C-alpha atoms as a PDB file:
ATOM      1  CA  MET A   1     -79.514  65.509  -2.651  1.00  0.00           C
ATOM      2  CA  SER A   2     -80.277  64.370   0.890  1.00  0.00           C
ATOM      3  CA  ASN A   3     -77.966  64.204   3.711  1.00  0.00           C
ATOM      4  CA  ASP A   4     -79.876  62.419   6.102  1.00  0.00           C
ATOM      5  CA  SER A   5     -76.801  59.730   6.462  1.00  0.00           C
ATOM      6  CA  PHE A   6     -74.853  63.009   7.408  1.00  0.00           C
ATOM      7  CA  SER A   7     -77.203  64.960   9.844  1.00  0.00           C
ATOM      8  CA  SER A   8     -76.459  63.383  13.130  1.00  0.00           C
ATOM      9  CA  ALA A   9     -72.956  64.595  12.850  1.00  0.00           C
ATOM     10  CA  SER A  10     -73.424  68.379  12.369  1.00  0.00           C
ATOM     11  CA  SER A  11     -75.741  69.030  15.341  1.00  0.00           C
ATOM     12  CA  GLY A  12     -73.069  67.699  17.454  1.00  0.00           C
ATOM     13  CA  GLY A  13     -75.229  64.050  18.292  1.00  0.00           C
ATOM     14  CA  SER A  14     -72.619  61.837  16.152  1.00  0.00           C
ATOM     15  CA  GLU A  15     -70.351  59.270  18.286  1.00  0.00           C
ATOM     16  CA  ARG A  16     -67.611  59.932  15.872  1.00  0.00           C
ATOM     17  CA  GLU A  17     -67.986  63.877  16.347  1.00  0.00           C
ATOM     18  CA  GLY A  18     -67.751  63.525  19.518  1.00  0.00           C
ATOM     19  CA  ALA A  19     -64.598  61.730  19.803  1.00  0.00           C
ATOM     20  CA  ARG A  20     -62.899  63.726  17.390  1.00  0.00           C
ATOM     21  CA  GLY A  21     -64.766  66.932  17.926  1.00  0.00           C
ATOM     22  CA  PRO A  22     -66.025  68.807  14.960  1.00  0.00           C
ATOM     23  CA  TYR A  23     -63.026  68.014  12.789  1.00  0.00           C
ATOM     24  CA  GLY A  24     -62.493  65.713   9.870  1.00  0.00           C
ATOM     25  CA  PHE A  25     -64.223  64.593   7.288  1.00  0.00           C
ATOM     26  CA  LEU A  26     -67.187  61.717   6.761  1.00  0.00           C
ATOM     27  CA  VAL A  27     -67.637  59.907   3.815  1.00  0.00           C
ATOM     28  CA  ARG A  28     -70.658  58.618   2.047  1.00  0.00           C
ATOM     29  CA  VAL A  29     -70.949  55.405  -0.043  1.00  0.00           C
ATOM     30  CA  ASP A  30     -74.463  53.410  -0.679  1.00  0.00           C
ATOM     31  CA  GLY A  31     -73.982  50.174   1.121  1.00  0.00           C
ATOM     32  CA  ALA A  32     -71.632  51.255   3.635  1.00  0.00           C
ATOM     33  CA  PRO A  33     -72.426  53.295   7.154  1.00  0.00           C
ATOM     34  CA  PRO A  34     -70.761  56.856   7.143  1.00  0.00           C
ATOM     35  CA  LEU A  35     -66.952  56.726   7.051  1.00  0.00           C
ATOM     36  CA  TRP A  36     -64.598  58.754   9.064  1.00  0.00           C
ATOM     37  CA  CYS A  37     -60.910  59.996   8.223  1.00  0.00           C
ATOM     38  CA  ARG A  38     -58.801  62.800   9.641  1.00  0.00           C
ATOM     39  CA  GLU A  39     -57.940  64.364   6.056  1.00  0.00           C
ATOM     40  CA  VAL A  40     -58.563  64.337   2.448  1.00  0.00           C
ATOM     41  CA  ARG A  41     -56.138  66.396   0.284  1.00  0.00           C
ATOM     42  CA  GLY A  42     -57.547  67.099  -2.900  1.00  0.00           C
ATOM     43  CA  PHE A  43     -61.268  67.611  -1.076  1.00  0.00           C
ATOM     44  CA  HIS A  44     -60.500  71.515  -1.722  1.00  0.00           C
ATOM     45  CA  ARG A  45     -60.167  71.098  -5.172  1.00  0.00           C
ATOM     46  CA  ALA A  46     -62.811  68.684  -5.600  1.00  0.00           C
ATOM     47  CA  ALA A  47     -65.341  71.142  -4.309  1.00  0.00           C
ATOM     48  CA  VAL A  48     -64.347  74.039  -6.209  1.00  0.00           C
ATOM     49  CA  ALA A  49     -65.023  71.610  -9.354  1.00  0.00           C
ATOM     50  CA  ALA A  50     -68.581  70.615  -8.241  1.00  0.00           C
ATOM     51  CA  ALA A  51     -69.424  74.482  -7.733  1.00  0.00           C
ATOM     52  CA  ASP A  52     -67.375  75.832 -10.696  1.00  0.00           C
ATOM     53  CA  PRO A  53     -67.599  74.223 -14.405  1.00  0.00           C
ATOM     54  CA  ASP A  54     -64.375  75.690 -15.323  1.00  0.00           C
ATOM     55  CA  ALA A  55     -62.251  74.733 -11.875  1.00  0.00           C
ATOM     56  CA  MET A  56     -59.904  71.444 -12.849  1.00  0.00           C
ATOM     57  CA  PRO A  57     -61.368  69.053 -10.724  1.00  0.00           C
ATOM     58  CA  PRO A  58     -57.827  67.108  -8.659  1.00  0.00           C
ATOM     59  CA  ALA A  59     -56.808  63.701 -10.117  1.00  0.00           C
ATOM     60  CA  GLN A  60     -56.975  62.167  -7.349  1.00  0.00           C
ATOM     61  CA  LEU A  61     -57.972  62.304  -3.375  1.00  0.00           C
ATOM     62  CA  VAL A  62     -55.938  60.828  -0.790  1.00  0.00           C
ATOM     63  CA  LEU A  63     -57.495  59.616   2.356  1.00  0.00           C
ATOM     64  CA  VAL A  64     -55.552  59.969   5.638  1.00  0.00           C
ATOM     65  CA  GLY A  65     -56.080  59.186   8.988  1.00  0.00           C
ATOM     66  CA  LEU A  66     -58.435  56.785   8.448  1.00  0.00           C
ATOM     67  CA  ASP A  67     -60.899  54.936  11.535  1.00  0.00           C
ATOM     68  CA  GLU A  68     -61.114  51.372  12.076  1.00  0.00           C
ATOM     69  CA  ALA A  69     -64.753  51.092  10.002  1.00  0.00           C
ATOM     70  CA  THR A  70     -62.944  53.372   7.817  1.00  0.00           C
ATOM     71  CA  ARG A  71     -60.509  50.759   7.023  1.00  0.00           C
ATOM     72  CA  VAL A  72     -62.583  47.410   7.278  1.00  0.00           C
ATOM     73  CA  TRP A  73     -64.727  48.866   4.647  1.00  0.00           C
ATOM     74  CA  LEU A  74     -61.614  49.734   2.274  1.00  0.00           C
ATOM     75  CA  ALA A  75     -60.597  46.556   2.531  1.00  0.00           C
ATOM     76  CA  SER A  76     -63.696  44.789   1.155  1.00  0.00           C
ATOM     77  CA  TRP A  77     -63.469  47.507  -1.492  1.00  0.00           C
ATOM     78  CA  ALA A  78     -59.958  46.753  -2.519  1.00  0.00           C
ATOM     79  CA  GLU A  79     -61.151  42.669  -2.893  1.00  0.00           C
ATOM     80  CA  ASP A  80     -64.485  43.866  -4.976  1.00  0.00           C
ATOM     81  CA  SER A  81     -63.399  42.544  -8.575  1.00  0.00           C
ATOM     82  CA  GLU A  82     -67.361  43.402  -9.435  1.00  0.00           C
ATOM     83  CA  ARG A  83     -67.673  47.237  -8.329  1.00  0.00           C
ATOM     84  CA  VAL A  84     -64.160  48.693  -9.129  1.00  0.00           C
ATOM     85  CA  ARG A  85     -66.124  52.276  -9.495  1.00  0.00           C
ATOM     86  CA  ARG A  86     -67.649  53.935  -6.731  1.00  0.00           C
ATOM     87  CA  THR A  87     -69.403  57.118  -5.846  1.00  0.00           C
ATOM     88  CA  LEU A  88     -68.471  58.932  -3.020  1.00  0.00           C
ATOM     89  CA  THR A  89     -69.228  62.205  -1.043  1.00  0.00           C
ATOM     90  CA  ILE A  90     -67.077  63.535   1.141  1.00  0.00           C
ATOM     91  CA  ARG A  91     -67.998  66.129   3.429  1.00  0.00           C
ATOM     92  CA  ARG A  92     -65.769  68.604   5.642  1.00  0.00           C
ATOM     93  CA  LEU A  93     -67.374  68.298   9.011  1.00  0.00           C
ATOM     94  CA  LEU A  94     -65.518  71.998  10.194  1.00  0.00           C
ATOM     95  CA  ASP A  95     -67.849  73.953   7.356  1.00  0.00           C
ATOM     96  CA  ASP A  96     -70.510  70.644   6.372  1.00  0.00           C
ATOM     97  CA  ARG A  97     -69.173  71.504   2.347  1.00  0.00           C
ATOM     98  CA  GLU A  98     -69.144  68.479  -0.036  1.00  0.00           C
ATOM     99  CA  ALA A  99     -68.233  66.971  -2.971  1.00  0.00           C
ATOM    100  CA  THR A 100     -69.252  64.190  -4.695  1.00  0.00           C
ATOM    101  CA  ALA A 101     -67.008  62.505  -6.854  1.00  0.00           C
ATOM    102  CA  VAL A 102     -67.373  58.699  -8.850  1.00  0.00           C
ATOM    103  CA  VAL A 103     -63.375  57.671  -8.185  1.00  0.00           C
ATOM    104  CA  THR A 104     -61.990  53.998  -8.005  1.00  0.00           C
ATOM    105  CA  LEU A 105     -59.319  53.020  -5.843  1.00  0.00           C
ATOM    106  CA  ALA A 106     -55.379  53.633  -6.962  1.00  0.00           C
ATOM    107  CA  SER A 107     -53.605  52.800  -4.473  1.00  0.00           C
ATOM    108  CA  TYR A 108     -54.460  51.033  -0.932  1.00  0.00           C
ATOM    109  CA  GLY A 109     -52.455  48.586   1.897  1.00  0.00           C
ATOM    110  CA  TYR A 110     -50.387  48.042   4.421  1.00  0.00           C
ATOM    111  CA  GLY A 111     -47.811  51.246   4.496  1.00  0.00           C
ATOM    112  CA  VAL A 112     -49.317  53.057   1.520  1.00  0.00           C
ATOM    113  CA  GLU A 113     -51.767  56.537   1.314  1.00  0.00           C
ATOM    114  CA  THR A 114     -55.143  55.477   0.262  1.00  0.00           C
ATOM    115  CA  ALA A 115     -55.353  57.364  -3.218  1.00  0.00           C
ATOM    116  CA  LEU A 116     -58.672  57.557  -5.207  1.00  0.00           C
ATOM    117  CA  ALA A 117     -58.365  58.260  -8.624  1.00  0.00           C
ATOM    118  CA  VAL A 118     -61.414  60.848  -9.646  1.00  0.00           C
ATOM    119  CA  GLU A 119     -62.794  59.834 -13.031  1.00  0.00           C
ATOM    120  CA  SER A 120     -65.449  62.716 -12.685  1.00  0.00           C
ATOM    121  CA  VAL A 121     -67.281  65.526 -10.231  1.00  0.00           C
ATOM    122  CA  VAL A 122     -70.682  65.743  -9.807  1.00  0.00           C
ATOM    123  CA  VAL A 123     -72.421  69.018  -9.247  1.00  0.00           C
ATOM    124  CA  PRO A 124     -74.950  68.909  -5.990  1.00  0.00           C
ATOM    125  CA  ALA A 125     -78.626  67.788  -6.942  1.00  0.00           C
ATOM    126  CA  GLY A 126     -80.633  71.385  -6.905  1.00  0.00           C
ATOM    127  CA  GLU A 127     -84.287  71.082  -8.135  1.00  0.00           C
ATOM    128  CA  GLY A 128     -83.219  68.242 -10.751  1.00  0.00           C
ATOM    129  CA  PRO A 129     -80.779  65.248 -11.288  1.00  0.00           C
ATOM    130  CA  ALA A 130     -76.868  65.691 -10.373  1.00  0.00           C
ATOM    131  CA  ALA A 131     -75.096  66.417 -13.592  1.00  0.00           C
ATOM    132  CA  ILE A 132     -71.647  64.636 -14.121  1.00  0.00           C
ATOM    133  CA  LEU A 133     -68.939  67.366 -14.942  1.00  0.00           C
ATOM    134  CA  ARG A 134     -65.617  66.244 -16.926  1.00  0.00           C
ATOM    135  CA  SER A 135     -66.169  63.048 -16.880  1.00  0.00           C
ATOM    136  CA  GLY A 136     -63.161  60.740 -18.743  1.00  0.00           C
ATOM    137  CA  VAL A 137     -66.049  57.982 -18.842  1.00  0.00           C
ATOM    138  CA  HIS A 138     -67.690  57.879 -21.766  1.00  0.00           C
ATOM    139  CA  THR A 139     -70.816  55.650 -23.228  1.00  0.00           C
ATOM    140  CA  LYS A 140     -70.253  53.325 -25.961  1.00  0.00           C
ATOM    141  CA  GLU A 141     -73.204  55.366 -27.682  1.00  0.00           C
ATOM    142  CA  GLU A 142     -71.204  58.523 -27.422  1.00  0.00           C
ATOM    143  CA  ILE A 143     -67.944  56.851 -28.198  1.00  0.00           C
ATOM    144  CA  ASP A 144     -69.776  55.531 -31.650  1.00  0.00           C
ATOM    145  CA  ALA A 145     -71.249  58.702 -32.481  1.00  0.00           C
ATOM    146  CA  MET A 146     -67.766  60.535 -32.198  1.00  0.00           C
ATOM    147  CA  LEU A 147     -66.382  58.165 -34.077  1.00  0.00           C
ATOM    148  CA  ALA A 148     -68.924  58.410 -36.995  1.00  0.00           C
ATOM    149  CA  VAL A 149     -68.450  62.090 -37.091  1.00  0.00           C
ATOM    150  CA  LEU A 150     -64.886  62.002 -37.137  1.00  0.00           C
ATOM    151  CA  ALA A 151     -65.291  59.317 -39.963  1.00  0.00           C
ATOM    152  CA  THR A 152     -67.217  62.073 -42.091  1.00  0.00           C
ATOM    153  CA  ALA A 153     -64.847  64.490 -41.657  1.00  0.00           C
ATOM    154  CA  LEU A 154     -61.959  62.725 -42.749  1.00  0.00           C
ATOM    155  CA  PRO A 155     -61.202  62.821 -46.694  1.00  0.00           C
ATOM    156  CA  GLU A 156     -60.987  59.775 -48.221  1.00  0.00           C
ATOM    157  CA  SER A 157     -57.595  59.855 -48.780  1.00  0.00           C
ATOM    158  CA  GLU A 158     -56.539  60.416 -45.622  1.00  0.00           C
ATOM    159  CA  GLU A 159     -55.974  57.495 -42.995  1.00  0.00           C
ATOM    160  CA  ALA A 160     -57.011  57.605 -39.648  1.00  0.00           C
ATOM    161  CA  SER A 161     -54.590  54.624 -38.890  1.00  0.00           C
ATOM    162  CA  TRP A 162     -53.652  56.148 -35.513  1.00  0.00           C
ATOM    163  CA  PHE A 163     -57.368  56.171 -34.289  1.00  0.00           C
ATOM    164  CA  VAL A 164     -58.282  52.637 -33.083  1.00  0.00           C
ATOM    165  CA  HIS A 165     -61.682  51.572 -32.363  1.00  0.00           C
ATOM    166  CA  VAL A 166     -62.047  48.428 -30.027  1.00  0.00           C
END
């Protein structure tokens, strides 16, 4: 995964870094400039989960101390009913550690901490494509295949009324 949109921040040439020092977090998302916030609660767990498949990812990430550009972008995302799920790459400026997650906006508004519900954590791509770990989002084909296995595994006398297929 290329870090081109973050490269100026780590070299000390970024306006955002110059105003705040080498602290805080940059958030990269398609269709937006790099966004800045002072703190991302849950970042450490997300970064550990991205590197270790046995580690539990956080249920949510909380963005604290947002700059104006980040607030404006979040306001537009909050109103976007077409793209509620986004893939964010979050980089801690202090040590350039990154975590990429698929998230939805869980809470946002005046006087409310901005919380992102984590749906999955993505392992950084090395030589191949990135892999999604522990996703709660499955394709219809995967669910249909699981239902087919379930249907053949139950004896005919057992009722599977506890399981509803939509």
